[in-house]
Amino acid sequence: MALPSLITPTSIPFSSPISCSYKTIPKPYLNHPSPFLSCARSLSPQPISIAAHRLVSSPSPLLRNRQAFVVHAAWTRRSKGDQTKKPNRKSWKQRTDMYMRPFMLNVFFSKRFIHAKVVHRSTSKVISVASTNAKDLRNTLPSLTDDDACRTVGQLIAERSKDADVFAITFEPKKNERIEGRLFLLLNTIKQNGIIFV
């Protein structure tokens, strides 16, 4: 014997919220293993309803925190108006770069000699110096400006920096300066002798 259908279909308008509530089960089917539900418009005091507009109008705390973080992060960037009002104000990278990369290499090529030194940026303390114009190199090198002089200066800078417990330095080329020729030889020699460029 086929059981009669207990789910009563009703016509629900599309605009009305859908709510699901338990329907009273007839006595002959109280021992049935699964409960029966009916979807209908319910006016019960405690309906189980799903409203999509509530999710949009009241975002979750996680979403509110993300929005607050985005707004807070946007304030840390400098706008064009701030740049015109305060042109001398340094950016975040300019203010923290001397602490993130404290040791900088300065190289100077003259017509007569080559000079290089490693300086601590925040205190301006000279860590190591090497120059072909020094007494120990001026009388021993055949030329003070050729490729061999560049390799000698790079080797001395690397050794004296490691003696001062400095194993990572930075080098920032000047505007429109290319790392080639004698400058490339000097930097490559420093790198080959155990100094890391950051």
N, C-alpha and C. Protein backbone atom coordinates (compact mmCIF):
# COMPACT_ATOMS: atom_id res chain seq x y z
N MET A 1 0.86 -1.20 0.00
CA MET A 1 0.00 0.00 0.00
C MET A 1 0.88 1.24 0.00
N ALA A 2 0.69 2.10 -0.94
CA ALA A 2 1.52 3.29 -1.06
C ALA A 2 1.07 4.33 -0.06
N LEU A 3 2.05 4.95 0.59
CA LEU A 3 1.74 6.00 1.57
C LEU A 3 1.35 7.28 0.85
N PRO A 4 0.37 7.96 1.38
CA PRO A 4 -0.02 9.24 0.76
C PRO A 4 1.08 10.28 0.97
N SER A 5 1.16 11.21 0.06
CA SER A 5 2.17 12.27 0.16
C SER A 5 1.82 13.20 1.30
N LEU A 6 2.82 13.44 2.19
CA LEU A 6 2.59 14.30 3.35
C LEU A 6 3.09 15.71 3.13
N ILE A 7 3.86 15.95 2.04
CA ILE A 7 4.37 17.30 1.80
C ILE A 7 3.36 18.02 0.93
N THR A 8 2.83 19.09 1.49
CA THR A 8 1.78 19.84 0.80
C THR A 8 2.41 21.00 0.05
N PRO A 9 2.43 20.98 -1.27
CA PRO A 9 3.00 22.13 -2.00
C PRO A 9 2.08 23.32 -1.94
N THR A 10 2.65 24.46 -1.70
CA THR A 10 1.90 25.71 -1.66
C THR A 10 2.58 26.70 -2.58
N SER A 11 1.84 27.61 -3.09
CA SER A 11 2.38 28.64 -3.97
C SER A 11 2.95 29.76 -3.13
N ILE A 12 4.29 29.96 -3.22
CA ILE A 12 4.97 30.99 -2.42
C ILE A 12 5.44 32.07 -3.36
N PRO A 13 5.11 33.33 -3.10
CA PRO A 13 5.61 34.41 -3.97
C PRO A 13 7.12 34.48 -3.91
N PHE A 14 7.75 34.96 -4.98
CA PHE A 14 9.22 35.02 -5.05
C PHE A 14 9.79 36.06 -4.11
N SER A 15 9.05 37.13 -3.89
CA SER A 15 9.58 38.24 -3.08
C SER A 15 9.54 37.94 -1.59
N SER A 16 8.70 37.01 -1.14
CA SER A 16 8.55 36.76 0.29
C SER A 16 9.68 35.86 0.78
N PRO A 17 10.18 36.09 2.01
CA PRO A 17 11.22 35.20 2.55
C PRO A 17 10.69 33.81 2.79
N ILE A 18 11.52 32.80 2.57
CA ILE A 18 11.12 31.40 2.72
C ILE A 18 11.49 30.95 4.12
N SER A 19 10.59 30.33 4.80
CA SER A 19 10.85 29.81 6.14
C SER A 19 10.35 28.37 6.21
N CYS A 20 11.04 27.58 6.98
CA CYS A 20 10.71 26.18 7.13
C CYS A 20 10.32 25.91 8.57
N SER A 21 9.24 25.18 8.77
CA SER A 21 8.79 24.86 10.13
C SER A 21 8.25 23.44 10.15
N TYR A 22 8.22 22.85 11.33
CA TYR A 22 7.70 21.50 11.47
C TYR A 22 6.18 21.51 11.36
N LYS A 23 5.66 20.48 10.65
CA LYS A 23 4.20 20.32 10.51
C LYS A 23 3.73 19.20 11.43
N THR A 24 2.57 19.36 11.93
CA THR A 24 2.01 18.32 12.80
C THR A 24 1.82 17.04 12.01
N ILE A 25 2.31 15.95 12.53
CA ILE A 25 2.29 14.66 11.85
C ILE A 25 1.05 13.89 12.30
N PRO A 26 0.32 13.29 11.39
CA PRO A 26 -0.86 12.50 11.80
C PRO A 26 -0.45 11.32 12.66
N LYS A 27 -1.39 10.84 13.45
CA LYS A 27 -1.13 9.75 14.40
C LYS A 27 -0.67 8.46 13.73
N PRO A 28 -1.20 8.04 12.57
CA PRO A 28 -0.74 6.76 12.00
C PRO A 28 0.73 6.76 11.60
N TYR A 29 1.32 7.91 11.40
CA TYR A 29 2.70 7.96 10.92
C TYR A 29 3.67 8.52 11.96
N LEU A 30 3.31 8.46 13.23
CA LEU A 30 4.21 8.97 14.27
C LEU A 30 5.44 8.09 14.43
N ASN A 31 5.33 6.80 14.12
CA ASN A 31 6.46 5.89 14.28
C ASN A 31 7.37 5.85 13.04
N HIS A 32 7.15 6.72 12.10
CA HIS A 32 7.99 6.73 10.91
C HIS A 32 9.40 7.17 11.28
N PRO A 33 10.48 6.57 10.74
CA PRO A 33 11.84 6.89 11.20
C PRO A 33 12.31 8.30 10.87
N SER A 34 11.82 8.92 9.82
CA SER A 34 12.32 10.25 9.46
C SER A 34 11.24 11.28 9.68
N PRO A 35 11.62 12.47 10.16
CA PRO A 35 10.60 13.52 10.35
C PRO A 35 10.17 14.09 9.01
N PHE A 36 9.02 14.72 9.00
CA PHE A 36 8.49 15.32 7.79
C PHE A 36 8.48 16.83 7.96
N LEU A 37 8.96 17.51 6.89
CA LEU A 37 8.98 18.95 6.91
C LEU A 37 8.07 19.47 5.82
N SER A 38 7.58 20.61 6.04
CA SER A 38 6.79 21.29 5.01
C SER A 38 7.27 22.72 4.91
N CYS A 39 7.51 23.18 3.70
CA CYS A 39 7.94 24.54 3.47
C CYS A 39 6.71 25.36 3.16
N ALA A 40 6.40 26.24 4.00
CA ALA A 40 5.22 27.09 3.82
C ALA A 40 5.47 28.40 4.53
N ARG A 41 4.59 29.35 4.26
CA ARG A 41 4.67 30.63 4.94
C ARG A 41 4.22 30.43 6.39
N SER A 42 5.12 30.69 7.29
CA SER A 42 4.85 30.41 8.69
C SER A 42 4.75 31.71 9.46
N LEU A 43 3.79 31.77 10.35
CA LEU A 43 3.63 32.90 11.25
C LEU A 43 3.89 32.49 12.68
N SER A 44 4.63 31.44 12.88
CA SER A 44 4.94 30.96 14.23
C SER A 44 5.85 31.96 14.92
N PRO A 45 5.86 32.01 16.26
CA PRO A 45 6.70 32.98 16.97
C PRO A 45 8.20 32.72 16.80
N GLN A 46 8.65 31.50 16.48
CA GLN A 46 10.06 31.18 16.32
C GLN A 46 10.29 30.51 14.97
N PRO A 47 10.19 31.22 13.86
CA PRO A 47 10.41 30.59 12.55
C PRO A 47 11.90 30.41 12.28
N ILE A 48 12.20 29.44 11.44
CA ILE A 48 13.58 29.21 10.97
C ILE A 48 13.65 29.79 9.57
N SER A 49 14.16 30.98 9.44
CA SER A 49 14.15 31.68 8.15
C SER A 49 15.55 32.05 7.75
N ILE A 50 15.74 32.18 6.43
CA ILE A 50 17.01 32.57 5.86
C ILE A 50 16.76 33.82 5.04
N ALA A 51 17.40 34.89 5.43
CA ALA A 51 17.24 36.16 4.71
C ALA A 51 18.60 36.59 4.21
N ALA A 52 18.74 36.73 2.90
CA ALA A 52 20.04 37.07 2.33
C ALA A 52 20.41 38.52 2.56
N HIS A 53 19.38 39.39 2.70
CA HIS A 53 19.68 40.81 2.84
C HIS A 53 20.32 41.11 4.18
N ARG A 54 20.14 40.26 5.18
CA ARG A 54 20.77 40.49 6.48
C ARG A 54 22.28 40.33 6.39
N LEU A 55 22.74 39.38 5.57
CA LEU A 55 24.19 39.19 5.43
C LEU A 55 24.84 40.41 4.79
N VAL A 56 24.13 41.06 3.89
CA VAL A 56 24.71 42.21 3.22
C VAL A 56 24.69 43.43 4.12
N SER A 57 23.59 43.61 4.87
CA SER A 57 23.47 44.80 5.69
C SER A 57 24.34 44.73 6.93
N SER A 58 24.55 43.53 7.51
CA SER A 58 25.38 43.41 8.71
C SER A 58 26.53 42.46 8.43
N PRO A 59 27.71 42.97 8.00
CA PRO A 59 28.84 42.09 7.68
C PRO A 59 29.40 41.45 8.93
N SER A 60 30.11 40.37 8.73
CA SER A 60 30.70 39.64 9.83
C SER A 60 31.82 40.45 10.46
N PRO A 61 32.22 40.13 11.72
CA PRO A 61 33.34 40.86 12.34
C PRO A 61 34.63 40.72 11.57
N LEU A 62 34.88 39.56 10.94
CA LEU A 62 36.09 39.39 10.15
C LEU A 62 36.12 40.34 8.96
N LEU A 63 34.95 40.51 8.30
CA LEU A 63 34.89 41.41 7.16
C LEU A 63 35.08 42.85 7.60
N ARG A 64 34.51 43.21 8.78
CA ARG A 64 34.70 44.57 9.28
C ARG A 64 36.16 44.83 9.61
N ASN A 65 36.86 43.83 10.17
CA ASN A 65 38.27 44.01 10.48
C ASN A 65 39.08 44.17 9.21
N ARG A 66 38.74 43.43 8.15
CA ARG A 66 39.46 43.58 6.88
C ARG A 66 39.27 44.97 6.31
N GLN A 67 38.02 45.47 6.37
CA GLN A 67 37.78 46.81 5.85
C GLN A 67 38.53 47.84 6.66
N ALA A 68 38.57 47.68 7.98
CA ALA A 68 39.32 48.62 8.81
C ALA A 68 40.80 48.56 8.52
N PHE A 69 41.33 47.34 8.28
CA PHE A 69 42.75 47.20 7.96
C PHE A 69 43.08 47.87 6.64
N VAL A 70 42.20 47.72 5.65
CA VAL A 70 42.46 48.34 4.35
C VAL A 70 42.48 49.85 4.48
N VAL A 71 41.56 50.39 5.24
CA VAL A 71 41.52 51.84 5.43
C VAL A 71 42.76 52.29 6.19
N HIS A 72 43.16 51.53 7.22
CA HIS A 72 44.33 51.89 8.00
C HIS A 72 45.60 51.80 7.16
N ALA A 73 45.70 50.80 6.29
CA ALA A 73 46.89 50.67 5.45
C ALA A 73 46.93 51.78 4.40
N ALA A 74 45.77 52.24 3.96
CA ALA A 74 45.76 53.30 2.96
C ALA A 74 46.30 54.61 3.54
N TRP A 75 46.10 54.82 4.84
CA TRP A 75 46.58 56.06 5.44
C TRP A 75 48.10 56.10 5.54
N THR A 76 48.77 54.93 5.51
CA THR A 76 50.23 54.92 5.62
C THR A 76 50.91 55.33 4.32
N ARG A 77 50.20 55.33 3.21
CA ARG A 77 50.78 55.73 1.94
C ARG A 77 50.63 57.23 1.75
N ARG A 78 51.56 57.81 1.05
CA ARG A 78 51.52 59.23 0.80
C ARG A 78 50.77 59.52 -0.49
N SER A 79 49.79 60.37 -0.40
CA SER A 79 49.04 60.76 -1.58
C SER A 79 49.77 61.89 -2.30
N LYS A 80 49.29 62.24 -3.47
CA LYS A 80 49.92 63.31 -4.23
C LYS A 80 49.76 64.66 -3.52
N GLY A 81 48.63 64.81 -2.82
CA GLY A 81 48.45 66.05 -2.07
C GLY A 81 49.45 66.19 -0.94
N ASP A 82 49.72 65.08 -0.23
CA ASP A 82 50.71 65.13 0.84
C ASP A 82 52.11 65.38 0.30
N GLN A 83 52.41 64.83 -0.86
CA GLN A 83 53.72 65.05 -1.45
C GLN A 83 53.94 66.50 -1.84
N THR A 84 52.88 67.16 -2.30
CA THR A 84 53.03 68.57 -2.65
C THR A 84 53.08 69.46 -1.41
N LYS A 85 52.33 69.08 -0.36
CA LYS A 85 52.34 69.88 0.86
C LYS A 85 53.63 69.71 1.65
N LYS A 86 54.12 68.45 1.74
CA LYS A 86 55.33 68.15 2.50
C LYS A 86 56.32 67.43 1.58
N PRO A 87 56.99 68.14 0.70
CA PRO A 87 57.89 67.45 -0.25
C PRO A 87 59.14 66.90 0.42
N ASN A 88 59.55 67.46 1.57
CA ASN A 88 60.78 67.02 2.23
C ASN A 88 60.56 65.85 3.18
N ARG A 89 59.34 65.41 3.33
CA ARG A 89 59.07 64.29 4.23
C ARG A 89 59.53 62.99 3.58
N LYS A 90 60.30 62.21 4.31
CA LYS A 90 60.84 60.97 3.77
C LYS A 90 59.79 59.87 3.81
N SER A 91 59.90 58.95 2.88
CA SER A 91 58.99 57.82 2.84
C SER A 91 59.40 56.79 3.89
N TRP A 92 58.58 55.74 4.02
CA TRP A 92 58.87 54.70 5.02
C TRP A 92 60.16 53.96 4.68
N LYS A 93 60.40 53.71 3.41
CA LYS A 93 61.63 53.02 3.02
C LYS A 93 62.86 53.88 3.28
N GLN A 94 62.76 55.18 3.03
CA GLN A 94 63.89 56.06 3.27
C GLN A 94 64.20 56.17 4.76
N ARG A 95 63.18 56.09 5.60
CA ARG A 95 63.42 56.20 7.04
C ARG A 95 63.95 54.92 7.66
N THR A 96 63.66 53.77 7.07
CA THR A 96 64.06 52.50 7.67
C THR A 96 65.18 51.80 6.92
N ASP A 97 65.57 52.33 5.76
CA ASP A 97 66.55 51.62 4.95
C ASP A 97 67.93 51.60 5.61
N MET A 98 68.28 52.64 6.33
CA MET A 98 69.60 52.66 6.96
C MET A 98 69.71 51.67 8.11
N TYR A 99 68.58 51.22 8.65
CA TYR A 99 68.61 50.21 9.70
C TYR A 99 68.49 48.80 9.13
N MET A 100 67.81 48.67 7.99
CA MET A 100 67.70 47.36 7.36
C MET A 100 68.98 46.99 6.62
N ARG A 101 69.64 47.98 6.01
CA ARG A 101 70.91 47.76 5.31
C ARG A 101 71.92 48.78 5.83
N PRO A 102 72.54 48.48 6.97
CA PRO A 102 73.33 49.53 7.65
C PRO A 102 74.68 49.84 7.01
N PHE A 103 75.28 48.92 6.27
CA PHE A 103 76.64 49.12 5.76
C PHE A 103 76.59 49.35 4.25
N MET A 104 77.18 50.47 3.82
CA MET A 104 77.14 50.84 2.41
C MET A 104 78.57 51.00 1.88
N LEU A 105 78.74 50.58 0.64
CA LEU A 105 80.02 50.69 -0.05
C LEU A 105 80.02 51.92 -0.93
N ASN A 106 81.06 52.73 -0.78
CA ASN A 106 81.27 53.92 -1.61
C ASN A 106 82.53 53.72 -2.44
N VAL A 107 82.42 53.93 -3.74
CA VAL A 107 83.54 53.74 -4.65
C VAL A 107 83.75 55.04 -5.43
N PHE A 108 85.02 55.44 -5.53
CA PHE A 108 85.36 56.66 -6.26
C PHE A 108 86.53 56.36 -7.20
N PHE A 109 86.30 56.65 -8.48
CA PHE A 109 87.33 56.44 -9.50
C PHE A 109 87.87 57.80 -9.93
N SER A 110 89.15 57.99 -9.72
CA SER A 110 89.81 59.21 -10.15
C SER A 110 90.73 58.90 -11.32
N LYS A 111 91.26 59.94 -11.92
CA LYS A 111 92.21 59.74 -13.01
C LYS A 111 93.54 59.18 -12.50
N ARG A 112 93.81 59.33 -11.20
CA ARG A 112 95.10 58.93 -10.65
C ARG A 112 95.01 57.70 -9.74
N PHE A 113 93.87 57.47 -9.09
CA PHE A 113 93.78 56.37 -8.14
C PHE A 113 92.34 55.89 -8.03
N ILE A 114 92.15 54.82 -7.27
CA ILE A 114 90.83 54.23 -6.98
C ILE A 114 90.66 54.21 -5.47
N HIS A 115 89.51 54.66 -5.00
CA HIS A 115 89.26 54.74 -3.56
C HIS A 115 87.92 54.05 -3.26
N ALA A 116 87.89 53.20 -2.24
CA ALA A 116 86.66 52.51 -1.83
C ALA A 116 86.63 52.41 -0.32
N LYS A 117 85.44 52.50 0.24
CA LYS A 117 85.28 52.40 1.69
C LYS A 117 83.88 51.90 2.02
N VAL A 118 83.77 51.26 3.18
CA VAL A 118 82.48 50.78 3.71
C VAL A 118 82.15 51.62 4.92
N VAL A 119 80.96 52.21 4.91
CA VAL A 119 80.54 53.16 5.94
C VAL A 119 79.27 52.65 6.62
N HIS A 120 79.20 52.82 7.94
CA HIS A 120 77.95 52.56 8.68
C HIS A 120 77.03 53.76 8.48
N ARG A 121 75.86 53.53 7.95
CA ARG A 121 75.03 54.62 7.47
C ARG A 121 74.46 55.48 8.58
N SER A 122 74.04 54.88 9.67
CA SER A 122 73.39 55.66 10.72
C SER A 122 74.39 56.47 11.55
N THR A 123 75.60 55.95 11.74
CA THR A 123 76.61 56.66 12.55
C THR A 123 77.72 57.28 11.71
N SER A 124 77.76 57.01 10.40
CA SER A 124 78.79 57.51 9.49
C SER A 124 80.19 57.04 9.89
N LYS A 125 80.27 55.92 10.56
CA LYS A 125 81.56 55.38 10.96
C LYS A 125 82.15 54.56 9.80
N VAL A 126 83.43 54.77 9.52
CA VAL A 126 84.10 54.06 8.43
C VAL A 126 84.55 52.70 8.95
N ILE A 127 84.08 51.64 8.28
CA ILE A 127 84.39 50.28 8.70
C ILE A 127 85.69 49.81 8.06
N SER A 128 85.84 50.00 6.77
CA SER A 128 87.05 49.57 6.08
C SER A 128 87.32 50.51 4.91
N VAL A 129 88.63 50.70 4.63
CA VAL A 129 89.06 51.60 3.56
C VAL A 129 90.14 50.91 2.76
N ALA A 130 90.11 51.10 1.45
CA ALA A 130 91.19 50.63 0.58
C ALA A 130 91.34 51.61 -0.56
N SER A 131 92.57 52.00 -0.83
CA SER A 131 92.85 52.97 -1.88
C SER A 131 94.19 52.65 -2.51
N THR A 132 94.25 52.82 -3.82
CA THR A 132 95.53 52.61 -4.51
C THR A 132 96.49 53.78 -4.28
N ASN A 133 96.01 54.85 -3.67
CA ASN A 133 96.87 55.99 -3.36
C ASN A 133 97.55 55.83 -2.00
N ALA A 134 97.26 54.75 -1.29
CA ALA A 134 97.91 54.52 0.00
C ALA A 134 99.37 54.14 -0.20
N LYS A 135 100.16 54.25 0.85
CA LYS A 135 101.60 54.01 0.75
C LYS A 135 101.91 52.56 0.43
N ASP A 136 101.13 51.62 0.98
CA ASP A 136 101.43 50.21 0.76
C ASP A 136 101.11 49.75 -0.66
N LEU A 137 100.25 50.45 -1.37
CA LEU A 137 99.90 50.07 -2.74
C LEU A 137 100.49 51.01 -3.79
N ARG A 138 100.78 52.21 -3.44
CA ARG A 138 101.24 53.18 -4.42
C ARG A 138 102.60 52.82 -5.01
N ASN A 139 103.45 52.21 -4.19
CA ASN A 139 104.80 51.89 -4.64
C ASN A 139 104.92 50.46 -5.16
N THR A 140 103.87 49.64 -5.00
CA THR A 140 103.96 48.24 -5.44
C THR A 140 103.21 47.95 -6.72
N LEU A 141 102.10 48.64 -6.96
CA LEU A 141 101.30 48.39 -8.16
C LEU A 141 101.90 49.12 -9.36
N PRO A 142 101.95 48.45 -10.52
CA PRO A 142 102.45 49.14 -11.71
C PRO A 142 101.54 50.26 -12.19
N SER A 143 100.24 50.08 -12.02
CA SER A 143 99.27 51.11 -12.40
C SER A 143 98.23 51.23 -11.29
N LEU A 144 97.81 52.44 -11.01
CA LEU A 144 96.88 52.68 -9.91
C LEU A 144 95.42 52.74 -10.39
N THR A 145 95.16 52.57 -11.67
CA THR A 145 93.79 52.71 -12.18
C THR A 145 93.37 51.58 -13.11
N ASP A 146 94.18 50.55 -13.29
CA ASP A 146 93.84 49.50 -14.25
C ASP A 146 92.99 48.41 -13.59
N ASP A 147 92.76 47.30 -14.30
CA ASP A 147 91.91 46.22 -13.79
C ASP A 147 92.53 45.50 -12.60
N ASP A 148 93.85 45.34 -12.61
CA ASP A 148 94.51 44.69 -11.47
C ASP A 148 94.38 45.53 -10.20
N ALA A 149 94.41 46.83 -10.35
CA ALA A 149 94.22 47.70 -9.19
C ALA A 149 92.80 47.57 -8.64
N CYS A 150 91.82 47.41 -9.52
CA CYS A 150 90.43 47.22 -9.07
C CYS A 150 90.29 45.91 -8.30
N ARG A 151 90.90 44.85 -8.79
CA ARG A 151 90.83 43.57 -8.09
C ARG A 151 91.53 43.64 -6.73
N THR A 152 92.66 44.36 -6.66
CA THR A 152 93.38 44.48 -5.40
C THR A 152 92.56 45.27 -4.37
N VAL A 153 91.94 46.34 -4.80
CA VAL A 153 91.11 47.14 -3.89
C VAL A 153 89.91 46.33 -3.42
N GLY A 154 89.29 45.58 -4.31
CA GLY A 154 88.16 44.75 -3.90
C GLY A 154 88.55 43.68 -2.91
N GLN A 155 89.69 43.06 -3.09
CA GLN A 155 90.15 42.03 -2.16
C GLN A 155 90.45 42.63 -0.79
N LEU A 156 91.08 43.81 -0.76
CA LEU A 156 91.38 44.45 0.51
C LEU A 156 90.11 44.87 1.24
N ILE A 157 89.13 45.40 0.51
CA ILE A 157 87.86 45.80 1.13
C ILE A 157 87.17 44.59 1.76
N ALA A 158 87.16 43.45 1.05
CA ALA A 158 86.51 42.25 1.57
C ALA A 158 87.22 41.74 2.82
N GLU A 159 88.53 41.70 2.80
CA GLU A 159 89.27 41.18 3.96
C GLU A 159 89.11 42.10 5.18
N ARG A 160 89.22 43.40 4.98
CA ARG A 160 89.10 44.32 6.11
C ARG A 160 87.68 44.40 6.64
N SER A 161 86.70 44.20 5.78
CA SER A 161 85.30 44.18 6.26
C SER A 161 85.05 42.93 7.09
N LYS A 162 85.57 41.78 6.66
CA LYS A 162 85.40 40.56 7.45
C LYS A 162 86.14 40.64 8.77
N ASP A 163 87.27 41.34 8.80
CA ASP A 163 87.97 41.53 10.07
C ASP A 163 87.14 42.38 11.04
N ALA A 164 86.29 43.26 10.51
CA ALA A 164 85.41 44.08 11.34
C ALA A 164 84.04 43.42 11.56
N ASP A 165 83.92 42.12 11.24
CA ASP A 165 82.69 41.35 11.43
C ASP A 165 81.53 41.91 10.59
N VAL A 166 81.84 42.35 9.40
CA VAL A 166 80.82 42.81 8.46
C VAL A 166 80.86 41.89 7.26
N PHE A 167 79.79 41.14 7.06
CA PHE A 167 79.74 40.16 5.97
C PHE A 167 78.66 40.47 4.94
N ALA A 168 77.92 41.55 5.13
CA ALA A 168 76.86 41.93 4.18
C ALA A 168 76.88 43.45 4.03
N ILE A 169 77.00 43.90 2.81
CA ILE A 169 77.01 45.33 2.53
C ILE A 169 76.06 45.61 1.38
N THR A 170 75.82 46.87 1.14
CA THR A 170 74.95 47.29 0.04
C THR A 170 75.67 48.32 -0.81
N PHE A 171 75.31 48.35 -2.06
CA PHE A 171 75.88 49.32 -3.00
C PHE A 171 74.76 49.89 -3.84
N GLU A 172 74.65 51.20 -3.87
CA GLU A 172 73.63 51.87 -4.66
C GLU A 172 74.33 52.73 -5.71
N PRO A 173 74.22 52.37 -6.98
CA PRO A 173 74.86 53.18 -8.02
C PRO A 173 74.21 54.55 -8.13
N LYS A 174 74.98 55.48 -8.61
CA LYS A 174 74.46 56.83 -8.80
C LYS A 174 73.52 56.86 -10.00
N LYS A 175 72.91 58.01 -10.18
CA LYS A 175 71.96 58.16 -11.28
C LYS A 175 72.69 58.03 -12.61
N ASN A 176 72.11 57.22 -13.48
CA ASN A 176 72.66 56.96 -14.83
C ASN A 176 74.04 56.31 -14.78
N GLU A 177 74.34 55.59 -13.69
CA GLU A 177 75.63 54.89 -13.58
C GLU A 177 75.41 53.40 -13.85
N ARG A 178 76.20 52.84 -14.72
CA ARG A 178 76.09 51.44 -15.08
C ARG A 178 77.17 50.64 -14.37
N ILE A 179 76.79 49.42 -13.97
CA ILE A 179 77.75 48.54 -13.30
C ILE A 179 78.46 47.74 -14.39
N GLU A 180 79.54 48.27 -14.84
CA GLU A 180 80.30 47.64 -15.91
C GLU A 180 81.75 48.13 -15.81
N GLY A 181 82.63 47.45 -16.51
CA GLY A 181 84.02 47.87 -16.56
C GLY A 181 84.73 47.68 -15.23
N ARG A 182 85.43 48.70 -14.79
CA ARG A 182 86.21 48.63 -13.56
C ARG A 182 85.31 48.48 -12.33
N LEU A 183 84.14 49.12 -12.36
CA LEU A 183 83.21 48.99 -11.23
C LEU A 183 82.72 47.56 -11.08
N PHE A 184 82.43 46.91 -12.20
CA PHE A 184 81.99 45.52 -12.15
C PHE A 184 83.10 44.61 -11.63
N LEU A 185 84.33 44.86 -12.04
CA LEU A 185 85.45 44.05 -11.54
C LEU A 185 85.63 44.20 -10.04
N LEU A 186 85.52 45.43 -9.55
CA LEU A 186 85.68 45.66 -8.11
C LEU A 186 84.59 44.98 -7.30
N LEU A 187 83.32 45.13 -7.74
CA LEU A 187 82.20 44.52 -7.01
C LEU A 187 82.25 43.00 -7.08
N ASN A 188 82.62 42.48 -8.23
CA ASN A 188 82.70 41.03 -8.38
C ASN A 188 83.81 40.44 -7.52
N THR A 189 84.93 41.16 -7.38
CA THR A 189 86.01 40.68 -6.52
C THR A 189 85.59 40.67 -5.06
N ILE A 190 84.85 41.67 -4.64
CA ILE A 190 84.35 41.70 -3.26
C ILE A 190 83.40 40.54 -3.02
N LYS A 191 82.56 40.26 -3.98
CA LYS A 191 81.60 39.15 -3.84
C LYS A 191 82.30 37.81 -3.82
N GLN A 192 83.35 37.64 -4.62
CA GLN A 192 84.07 36.38 -4.65
C GLN A 192 84.85 36.12 -3.36
N ASN A 193 85.15 37.15 -2.61
CA ASN A 193 85.90 37.01 -1.37
C ASN A 193 85.01 36.87 -0.14
N GLY A 194 83.75 36.55 -0.32
CA GLY A 194 82.89 36.19 0.80
C GLY A 194 82.00 37.27 1.35
N ILE A 195 81.79 38.36 0.63
CA ILE A 195 80.91 39.43 1.08
C ILE A 195 79.60 39.33 0.30
N ILE A 196 78.48 39.45 1.01
CA ILE A 196 77.15 39.37 0.40
C ILE A 196 76.62 40.78 0.16
N PHE A 197 76.06 40.99 -1.03
CA PHE A 197 75.43 42.27 -1.35
C PHE A 197 73.92 42.15 -1.14
N VAL A 198 73.39 43.02 -0.32
CA VAL A 198 71.96 42.99 0.01
C VAL A 198 71.28 44.25 -0.54
